[in-house]
Amino acid sequence: VLAAVCLIAILSLIVVQMIARWTGEVFPGAPNY
């Protein structure tokens, strides 16, 4: 279950990073997380 939560976290991080790029914001460390 925790592994599945980590996969959801990866998806969330990628989506948040995409939104941040579209809005001109920076999400530092997203690729590392």
Full PDB file with SEQRES, HELIX, SHEET, SSBOND, CRYST1, ORIGX, SCALE, CONECT and MASTER records, all heavy atoms in Angstrom:
SEQRES   1 A   33  VAL LEU ALA ALA VAL CYS LEU ILE ALA ILE LEU SER LEU          
SEQRES   2 A   33  ILE VAL VAL GLN MET ILE ALA ARG TRP THR GLY GLU VAL          
SEQRES   3 A   33  PHE PRO GLY ALA PRO ASN TYR                                  
HELIX    1 AA1 LEU A    2  TRP A   22  1                                  21    
CRYST1    1.000    1.000    1.000  90.00  90.00  90.00 P 1           1          
ORIGX1      1.000000  0.000000  0.000000        0.00000                         
ORIGX2      0.000000  1.000000  0.000000        0.00000                         
ORIGX3      0.000000  0.000000  1.000000        0.00000                         
SCALE1      1.000000  0.000000  0.000000        0.00000                         
SCALE2      0.000000  1.000000  0.000000        0.00000                         
SCALE3      0.000000  0.000000  1.000000        0.00000                         
ATOM      1  N   VAL A   1       0.845  -1.204   0.000  1.00  0.00           N  
ATOM      2  CA  VAL A   1       0.000   0.000   0.000  1.00  0.00           C  
ATOM      3  C   VAL A   1       0.879   1.252   0.000  1.00  0.00           C  
ATOM      4  O   VAL A   1       0.620   2.211  -0.740  1.00  0.00           O  
ATOM      5  CB  VAL A   1      -0.964  -0.008   1.209  1.00  0.00           C  
ATOM      6  CG1 VAL A   1      -1.643   1.336   1.381  1.00  0.00           C  
ATOM      7  CG2 VAL A   1      -2.003  -1.110   1.047  1.00  0.00           C  
ATOM      8  N   LEU A   2       1.934   1.255   0.806  1.00  0.00           N  
ATOM      9  CA  LEU A   2       2.847   2.399   0.821  1.00  0.00           C  
ATOM     10  C   LEU A   2       3.528   2.590  -0.536  1.00  0.00           C  
ATOM     11  O   LEU A   2       3.761   3.723  -0.966  1.00  0.00           O  
ATOM     12  CB  LEU A   2       3.887   2.242   1.923  1.00  0.00           C  
ATOM     13  CG  LEU A   2       3.394   2.462   3.349  1.00  0.00           C  
ATOM     14  CD1 LEU A   2       4.500   2.135   4.354  1.00  0.00           C  
ATOM     15  CD2 LEU A   2       2.914   3.891   3.537  1.00  0.00           C  
ATOM     16  N   ALA A   3       3.842   1.488  -1.212  1.00  0.00           N  
ATOM     17  CA  ALA A   3       4.423   1.586  -2.554  1.00  0.00           C  
ATOM     18  C   ALA A   3       3.431   2.252  -3.508  1.00  0.00           C  
ATOM     19  O   ALA A   3       3.817   3.102  -4.321  1.00  0.00           O  
ATOM     20  CB  ALA A   3       4.819   0.209  -3.066  1.00  0.00           C  
ATOM     21  N   ALA A   4       2.156   1.885  -3.389  1.00  0.00           N  
ATOM     22  CA  ALA A   4       1.130   2.507  -4.228  1.00  0.00           C  
ATOM     23  C   ALA A   4       0.993   3.987  -3.905  1.00  0.00           C  
ATOM     24  O   ALA A   4       0.829   4.820  -4.809  1.00  0.00           O  
ATOM     25  CB  ALA A   4      -0.207   1.793  -4.039  1.00  0.00           C  
ATOM     26  N   VAL A   5       1.086   4.342  -2.636  1.00  0.00           N  
ATOM     27  CA  VAL A   5       1.031   5.755  -2.236  1.00  0.00           C  
ATOM     28  C   VAL A   5       2.211   6.517  -2.839  1.00  0.00           C  
ATOM     29  O   VAL A   5       2.062   7.659  -3.292  1.00  0.00           O  
ATOM     30  CB  VAL A   5       1.003   5.893  -0.689  1.00  0.00           C  
ATOM     31  CG1 VAL A   5       1.235   7.325  -0.249  1.00  0.00           C  
ATOM     32  CG2 VAL A   5      -0.320   5.366  -0.145  1.00  0.00           C  
ATOM     33  N   CYS A   6       3.374   5.876  -2.886  1.00  0.00           N  
ATOM     34  CA  CYS A   6       4.550   6.508  -3.498  1.00  0.00           C  
ATOM     35  C   CYS A   6       4.326   6.750  -4.985  1.00  0.00           C  
ATOM     36  O   CYS A   6       4.751   7.782  -5.520  1.00  0.00           O  
ATOM     37  CB  CYS A   6       5.797   5.655  -3.284  1.00  0.00           C  
ATOM     38  SG  CYS A   6       6.395   5.655  -1.595  1.00  0.00           S  
ATOM     39  N   LEU A   7       3.653   5.812  -5.664  1.00  0.00           N  
ATOM     40  CA  LEU A   7       3.353   6.018  -7.081  1.00  0.00           C  
ATOM     41  C   LEU A   7       2.399   7.188  -7.277  1.00  0.00           C  
ATOM     42  O   LEU A   7       2.552   7.982  -8.209  1.00  0.00           O  
ATOM     43  CB  LEU A   7       2.771   4.740  -7.688  1.00  0.00           C  
ATOM     44  CG  LEU A   7       3.741   3.570  -7.831  1.00  0.00           C  
ATOM     45  CD1 LEU A   7       3.013   2.332  -8.340  1.00  0.00           C  
ATOM     46  CD2 LEU A   7       4.900   3.923  -8.738  1.00  0.00           C  
ATOM     47  N   ILE A   8       1.429   7.315  -6.383  1.00  0.00           N  
ATOM     48  CA  ILE A   8       0.511   8.454  -6.443  1.00  0.00           C  
ATOM     49  C   ILE A   8       1.276   9.751  -6.165  1.00  0.00           C  
ATOM     50  O   ILE A   8       1.021  10.783  -6.793  1.00  0.00           O  
ATOM     51  CB  ILE A   8      -0.665   8.261  -5.459  1.00  0.00           C  
ATOM     52  CG1 ILE A   8      -1.533   7.096  -5.920  1.00  0.00           C  
ATOM     53  CG2 ILE A   8      -1.487   9.532  -5.316  1.00  0.00           C  
ATOM     54  CD1 ILE A   8      -2.562   6.628  -4.905  1.00  0.00           C  
ATOM     55  N   ALA A   9       2.235   9.687  -5.248  1.00  0.00           N  
ATOM     56  CA  ALA A   9       3.060  10.870  -4.954  1.00  0.00           C  
ATOM     57  C   ALA A   9       3.875  11.276  -6.176  1.00  0.00           C  
ATOM     58  O   ALA A   9       4.013  12.474  -6.462  1.00  0.00           O  
ATOM     59  CB  ALA A   9       3.982  10.584  -3.767  1.00  0.00           C  
ATOM     60  N   ILE A  10       4.390  10.296  -6.921  1.00  0.00           N  
ATOM     61  CA  ILE A  10       5.145  10.612  -8.134  1.00  0.00           C  
ATOM     62  C   ILE A  10       4.246  11.333  -9.133  1.00  0.00           C  
ATOM     63  O   ILE A  10       4.622  12.365  -9.693  1.00  0.00           O  
ATOM     64  CB  ILE A  10       5.729   9.331  -8.776  1.00  0.00           C  
ATOM     65  CG1 ILE A  10       6.788   8.716  -7.868  1.00  0.00           C  
ATOM     66  CG2 ILE A  10       6.320   9.630 -10.152  1.00  0.00           C  
ATOM     67  CD1 ILE A  10       7.195   7.315  -8.272  1.00  0.00           C  
ATOM     68  N   LEU A  11       3.053  10.781  -9.341  1.00  0.00           N  
ATOM     69  CA  LEU A  11       2.099  11.419 -10.253  1.00  0.00           C  
ATOM     70  C   LEU A  11       1.780  12.836  -9.799  1.00  0.00           C  
ATOM     71  O   LEU A  11       1.795  13.778 -10.598  1.00  0.00           O  
ATOM     72  CB  LEU A  11       0.822  10.587 -10.344  1.00  0.00           C  
ATOM     73  CG  LEU A  11      -0.322  11.232 -11.134  1.00  0.00           C  
ATOM     74  CD1 LEU A  11       0.040  11.351 -12.599  1.00  0.00           C  
ATOM     75  CD2 LEU A  11      -1.600  10.443 -10.943  1.00  0.00           C  
ATOM     76  N   SER A  12       1.525  12.999  -8.508  1.00  0.00           N  
ATOM     77  CA  SER A  12       1.191  14.326  -7.966  1.00  0.00           C  
ATOM     78  C   SER A  12       2.339  15.301  -8.152  1.00  0.00           C  
ATOM     79  O   SER A  12       2.130  16.464  -8.541  1.00  0.00           O  
ATOM     80  CB  SER A  12       0.843  14.223  -6.484  1.00  0.00           C  
ATOM     81  OG  SER A  12      -0.235  13.349  -6.287  1.00  0.00           O  
ATOM     82  N   LEU A  13       3.561  14.851  -7.891  1.00  0.00           N  
ATOM     83  CA  LEU A  13       4.722  15.722  -8.060  1.00  0.00           C  
ATOM     84  C   LEU A  13       4.902  16.148  -9.509  1.00  0.00           C  
ATOM     85  O   LEU A  13       5.210  17.312  -9.794  1.00  0.00           O  
ATOM     86  CB  LEU A  13       5.993  15.020  -7.563  1.00  0.00           C  
ATOM     87  CG  LEU A  13       6.152  14.948  -6.055  1.00  0.00           C  
ATOM     88  CD1 LEU A  13       7.205  13.912  -5.680  1.00  0.00           C  
ATOM     89  CD2 LEU A  13       6.535  16.316  -5.503  1.00  0.00           C  
ATOM     90  N   ILE A  14       4.680  15.232 -10.429  1.00  0.00           N  
ATOM     91  CA  ILE A  14       4.820  15.570 -11.846  1.00  0.00           C  
ATOM     92  C   ILE A  14       3.752  16.568 -12.261  1.00  0.00           C  
ATOM     93  O   ILE A  14       4.041  17.560 -12.942  1.00  0.00           O  
ATOM     94  CB  ILE A  14       4.758  14.296 -12.710  1.00  0.00           C  
ATOM     95  CG1 ILE A  14       6.020  13.463 -12.474  1.00  0.00           C  
ATOM     96  CG2 ILE A  14       4.606  14.630 -14.191  1.00  0.00           C  
ATOM     97  CD1 ILE A  14       5.973  12.077 -13.079  1.00  0.00           C  
ATOM     98  N   VAL A  15       2.512  16.355 -11.835  1.00  0.00           N  
ATOM     99  CA  VAL A  15       1.420  17.278 -12.186  1.00  0.00           C  
ATOM    100  C   VAL A  15       1.659  18.657 -11.576  1.00  0.00           C  
ATOM    101  O   VAL A  15       1.512  19.683 -12.249  1.00  0.00           O  
ATOM    102  CB  VAL A  15       0.050  16.704 -11.742  1.00  0.00           C  
ATOM    103  CG1 VAL A  15      -1.045  17.747 -11.835  1.00  0.00           C  
ATOM    104  CG2 VAL A  15      -0.291  15.474 -12.563  1.00  0.00           C  
ATOM    105  N   VAL A  16       2.061  18.697 -10.298  1.00  0.00           N  
ATOM    106  CA  VAL A  16       2.328  19.985  -9.648  1.00  0.00           C  
ATOM    107  C   VAL A  16       3.482  20.701 -10.335  1.00  0.00           C  
ATOM    108  O   VAL A  16       3.446  21.920 -10.542  1.00  0.00           O  
ATOM    109  CB  VAL A  16       2.607  19.786  -8.133  1.00  0.00           C  
ATOM    110  CG1 VAL A  16       3.156  21.040  -7.503  1.00  0.00           C  
ATOM    111  CG2 VAL A  16       1.340  19.348  -7.423  1.00  0.00           C  
ATOM    112  N   GLN A  17       4.500  19.955 -10.732  1.00  0.00           N  
ATOM    113  CA  GLN A  17       5.636  20.577 -11.423  1.00  0.00           C  
ATOM    114  C   GLN A  17       5.206  21.117 -12.788  1.00  0.00           C  
ATOM    115  O   GLN A  17       5.653  22.194 -13.198  1.00  0.00           O  
ATOM    116  CB  GLN A  17       6.774  19.576 -11.569  1.00  0.00           C  
ATOM    117  CG  GLN A  17       8.042  20.208 -12.082  1.00  0.00           C  
ATOM    118  CD  GLN A  17       9.203  19.237 -12.126  1.00  0.00           C  
ATOM    119  OE1 GLN A  17       9.014  18.027 -12.059  1.00  0.00           O  
ATOM    120  NE2 GLN A  17      10.400  19.761 -12.237  1.00  0.00           N  
ATOM    121  N   MET A  18       4.345  20.398 -13.494  1.00  0.00           N  
ATOM    122  CA  MET A  18       3.847  20.890 -14.782  1.00  0.00           C  
ATOM    123  C   MET A  18       3.049  22.177 -14.598  1.00  0.00           C  
ATOM    124  O   MET A  18       3.238  23.148 -15.337  1.00  0.00           O  
ATOM    125  CB  MET A  18       2.975  19.824 -15.447  1.00  0.00           C  
ATOM    126  CG  MET A  18       3.757  18.657 -15.995  1.00  0.00           C  
ATOM    127  SD  MET A  18       2.765  17.246 -16.548  1.00  0.00           S  
ATOM    128  CE  MET A  18       1.355  17.956 -17.308  1.00  0.00           C  
ATOM    129  N   ILE A  19       2.183  22.184 -13.596  1.00  0.00           N  
ATOM    130  CA  ILE A  19       1.377  23.384 -13.331  1.00  0.00           C  
ATOM    131  C   ILE A  19       2.282  24.547 -12.938  1.00  0.00           C  
ATOM    132  O   ILE A  19       2.072  25.681 -13.379  1.00  0.00           O  
ATOM    133  CB  ILE A  19       0.313  23.090 -12.243  1.00  0.00           C  
ATOM    134  CG1 ILE A  19      -0.725  22.104 -12.781  1.00  0.00           C  
ATOM    135  CG2 ILE A  19      -0.350  24.376 -11.767  1.00  0.00           C  
ATOM    136  CD1 ILE A  19      -1.682  21.566 -11.738  1.00  0.00           C  
ATOM    137  N   ALA A  20       3.286  24.264 -12.131  1.00  0.00           N  
ATOM    138  CA  ALA A  20       4.222  25.320 -11.732  1.00  0.00           C  
ATOM    139  C   ALA A  20       4.930  25.905 -12.950  1.00  0.00           C  
ATOM    140  O   ALA A  20       5.093  27.132 -13.050  1.00  0.00           O  
ATOM    141  CB  ALA A  20       5.236  24.774 -10.731  1.00  0.00           C  
ATOM    142  N   ARG A  21       5.334  25.076 -13.873  1.00  0.00           N  
ATOM    143  CA  ARG A  21       5.999  25.578 -15.086  1.00  0.00           C  
ATOM    144  C   ARG A  21       5.053  26.422 -15.918  1.00  0.00           C  
ATOM    145  O   ARG A  21       5.445  27.439 -16.483  1.00  0.00           O  
ATOM    146  CB  ARG A  21       6.543  24.420 -15.914  1.00  0.00           C  
ATOM    147  CG  ARG A  21       7.802  23.851 -15.363  1.00  0.00           C  
ATOM    148  CD  ARG A  21       8.384  22.800 -16.278  1.00  0.00           C  
ATOM    149  NE  ARG A  21       9.544  22.182 -15.665  1.00  0.00           N  
ATOM    150  CZ  ARG A  21      10.095  21.080 -16.093  1.00  0.00           C  
ATOM    151  NH1 ARG A  21       9.598  20.460 -17.139  1.00  0.00           N  
ATOM    152  NH2 ARG A  21      11.148  20.578 -15.488  1.00  0.00           N  
ATOM    153  N   TRP A  22       3.796  25.976 -16.057  1.00  0.00           N  
ATOM    154  CA  TRP A  22       2.826  26.718 -16.863  1.00  0.00           C  
ATOM    155  C   TRP A  22       2.529  28.088 -16.264  1.00  0.00           C  
ATOM    156  O   TRP A  22       2.208  29.023 -16.971  1.00  0.00           O  
ATOM    157  CB  TRP A  22       1.523  25.937 -17.006  1.00  0.00           C  
ATOM    158  CG  TRP A  22       1.649  24.681 -17.812  1.00  0.00           C  
ATOM    159  CD1 TRP A  22       2.591  24.391 -18.758  1.00  0.00           C  
ATOM    160  CD2 TRP A  22       0.801  23.545 -17.744  1.00  0.00           C  
ATOM    161  NE1 TRP A  22       2.391  23.138 -19.279  1.00  0.00           N  
ATOM    162  CE2 TRP A  22       1.284  22.581 -18.674  1.00  0.00           C  
ATOM    163  CE3 TRP A  22      -0.314  23.215 -16.981  1.00  0.00           C  
ATOM    164  CZ2 TRP A  22       0.683  21.354 -18.870  1.00  0.00           C  
ATOM    165  CZ3 TRP A  22      -0.903  21.981 -17.187  1.00  0.00           C  
ATOM    166  CH2 TRP A  22      -0.412  21.068 -18.120  1.00  0.00           C  
ATOM    167  N   THR A  23       2.582  28.182 -14.942  1.00  0.00           N  
ATOM    168  CA  THR A  23       2.273  29.458 -14.276  1.00  0.00           C  
ATOM    169  C   THR A  23       3.516  30.302 -14.023  1.00  0.00           C  
ATOM    170  O   THR A  23       3.424  31.367 -13.440  1.00  0.00           O  
ATOM    171  CB  THR A  23       1.549  29.205 -12.939  1.00  0.00           C  
ATOM    172  OG1 THR A  23       2.386  28.425 -12.092  1.00  0.00           O  
ATOM    173  CG2 THR A  23       0.213  28.500 -13.165  1.00  0.00           C  
ATOM    174  N   GLY A  24       4.679  29.793 -14.427  1.00  0.00           N  
ATOM    175  CA  GLY A  24       5.909  30.558 -14.244  1.00  0.00           C  
ATOM    176  C   GLY A  24       6.513  30.427 -12.856  1.00  0.00           C  
ATOM    177  O   GLY A  24       7.450  31.154 -12.518  1.00  0.00           O  
ATOM    178  N   GLU A  25       5.994  29.543 -12.052  1.00  0.00           N  
ATOM    179  CA  GLU A  25       6.526  29.329 -10.707  1.00  0.00           C  
ATOM    180  C   GLU A  25       7.616  28.259 -10.737  1.00  0.00           C  
ATOM    181  O   GLU A  25       7.791  27.559 -11.731  1.00  0.00           O  
ATOM    182  CB  GLU A  25       5.401  28.878  -9.757  1.00  0.00           C  
ATOM    183  CG  GLU A  25       4.307  29.903  -9.561  1.00  0.00           C  
ATOM    184  CD  GLU A  25       4.790  31.173  -8.894  1.00  0.00           C  
ATOM    185  OE1 GLU A  25       5.615  31.089  -7.966  1.00  0.00           O  
ATOM    186  OE2 GLU A  25       4.348  32.257  -9.313  1.00  0.00           O  
ATOM    187  N   VAL A  26       8.315  28.130  -9.638  1.00  0.00           N  
ATOM    188  CA  VAL A  26       9.359  27.120  -9.519  1.00  0.00           C  
ATOM    189  C   VAL A  26       9.033  26.231  -8.326  1.00  0.00           C  
ATOM    190  O   VAL A  26       8.693  26.721  -7.253  1.00  0.00           O  
ATOM    191  CB  VAL A  26      10.747  27.781  -9.313  1.00  0.00           C  
ATOM    192  CG1 VAL A  26      11.817  26.727  -9.096  1.00  0.00           C  
ATOM    193  CG2 VAL A  26      11.089  28.658 -10.499  1.00  0.00           C  
ATOM    194  N   PHE A  27       9.117  24.926  -8.547  1.00  0.00           N  
ATOM    195  CA  PHE A  27       8.929  23.967  -7.462  1.00  0.00           C  
ATOM    196  C   PHE A  27      10.282  23.293  -7.249  1.00  0.00           C  
ATOM    197  O   PHE A  27      10.583  22.270  -7.843  1.00  0.00           O  
ATOM    198  CB  PHE A  27       7.853  22.955  -7.847  1.00  0.00           C  
ATOM    199  CG  PHE A  27       7.541  21.938  -6.786  1.00  0.00           C  
ATOM    200  CD1 PHE A  27       8.059  22.007  -5.500  1.00  0.00           C  
ATOM    201  CD2 PHE A  27       6.707  20.876  -7.074  1.00  0.00           C  
ATOM    202  CE1 PHE A  27       7.769  21.063  -4.539  1.00  0.00           C  
ATOM    203  CE2 PHE A  27       6.403  19.915  -6.115  1.00  0.00           C  
ATOM    204  CZ  PHE A  27       6.937  20.014  -4.857  1.00  0.00           C  
ATOM    205  N   PRO A  28      11.105  23.883  -6.381  1.00  0.00           N  
ATOM    206  CA  PRO A  28      12.468  23.366  -6.217  1.00  0.00           C  
ATOM    207  C   PRO A  28      12.485  21.949  -5.623  1.00  0.00           C  
ATOM    208  O   PRO A  28      11.766  21.659  -4.682  1.00  0.00           O  
ATOM    209  CB  PRO A  28      13.127  24.365  -5.264  1.00  0.00           C  
ATOM    210  CG  PRO A  28      12.014  25.070  -4.589  1.00  0.00           C  
ATOM    211  CD  PRO A  28      10.825  24.999  -5.492  1.00  0.00           C  
ATOM    212  N   GLY A  29      13.294  21.113  -6.216  1.00  0.00           N  
ATOM    213  CA  GLY A  29      13.479  19.775  -5.686  1.00  0.00           C  
ATOM    214  C   GLY A  29      12.459  18.755  -6.141  1.00  0.00           C  
ATOM    215  O   GLY A  29      12.554  17.584  -5.755  1.00  0.00           O  
ATOM    216  N   ALA A  30      11.483  19.131  -6.966  1.00  0.00           N  
ATOM    217  CA  ALA A  30      10.439  18.185  -7.396  1.00  0.00           C  
ATOM    218  C   ALA A  30      11.018  16.951  -8.090  1.00  0.00           C  
ATOM    219  O   ALA A  30      10.603  15.833  -7.774  1.00  0.00           O  
ATOM    220  CB  ALA A  30       9.413  18.882  -8.279  1.00  0.00           C  
ATOM    221  N   PRO A  31      11.967  17.105  -9.006  1.00  0.00           N  
ATOM    222  CA  PRO A  31      12.521  15.896  -9.635  1.00  0.00           C  
ATOM    223  C   PRO A  31      13.226  14.981  -8.622  1.00  0.00           C  
ATOM    224  O   PRO A  31      13.147  13.757  -8.725  1.00  0.00           O  
ATOM    225  CB  PRO A  31      13.531  16.434 -10.655  1.00  0.00           C  
ATOM    226  CG  PRO A  31      13.116  17.834 -10.917  1.00  0.00           C  
ATOM    227  CD  PRO A  31      12.495  18.313  -9.640  1.00  0.00           C  
ATOM    228  N   ASN A  32      13.885  15.575  -7.645  1.00  0.00           N  
ATOM    229  CA  ASN A  32      14.548  14.763  -6.619  1.00  0.00           C  
ATOM    230  C   ASN A  32      13.526  14.016  -5.783  1.00  0.00           C  
ATOM    231  O   ASN A  32      13.700  12.824  -5.502  1.00  0.00           O  
ATOM    232  CB  ASN A  32      15.419  15.637  -5.712  1.00  0.00           C  
ATOM    233  CG  ASN A  32      16.584  16.250  -6.457  1.00  0.00           C  
ATOM    234  OD1 ASN A  32      16.814  15.954  -7.620  1.00  0.00           O  
ATOM    235  ND2 ASN A  32      17.320  17.108  -5.789  1.00  0.00           N  
ATOM    236  N   TYR A  33      12.447  14.695  -5.379  1.00  0.00           N  
ATOM    237  CA  TYR A  33      11.418  14.026  -4.580  1.00  0.00           C  
ATOM    238  C   TYR A  33      10.741  12.913  -5.377  1.00  0.00           C  
ATOM    239  O   TYR A  33      10.429  11.859  -4.827  1.00  0.00           O  
ATOM    240  CB  TYR A  33      10.372  15.032  -4.089  1.00  0.00           C  
ATOM    241  CG  TYR A  33      10.919  16.023  -3.096  1.00  0.00           C  
ATOM    242  CD1 TYR A  33      10.727  17.394  -3.265  1.00  0.00           C  
ATOM    243  CD2 TYR A  33      11.637  15.606  -1.983  1.00  0.00           C  
ATOM    244  CE1 TYR A  33      11.230  18.306  -2.355  1.00  0.00           C  
ATOM    245  CE2 TYR A  33      12.150  16.511  -1.076  1.00  0.00           C  
ATOM    246  CZ  TYR A  33      11.943  17.865  -1.266  1.00  0.00           C  
ATOM    247  OH  TYR A  33      12.449  18.757  -0.370  1.00  0.00           O  
TER     248      TYR A  33                                                      
MASTER        0    0    0    1    0    0    0    6  247    1    0    3          
END                                                                             
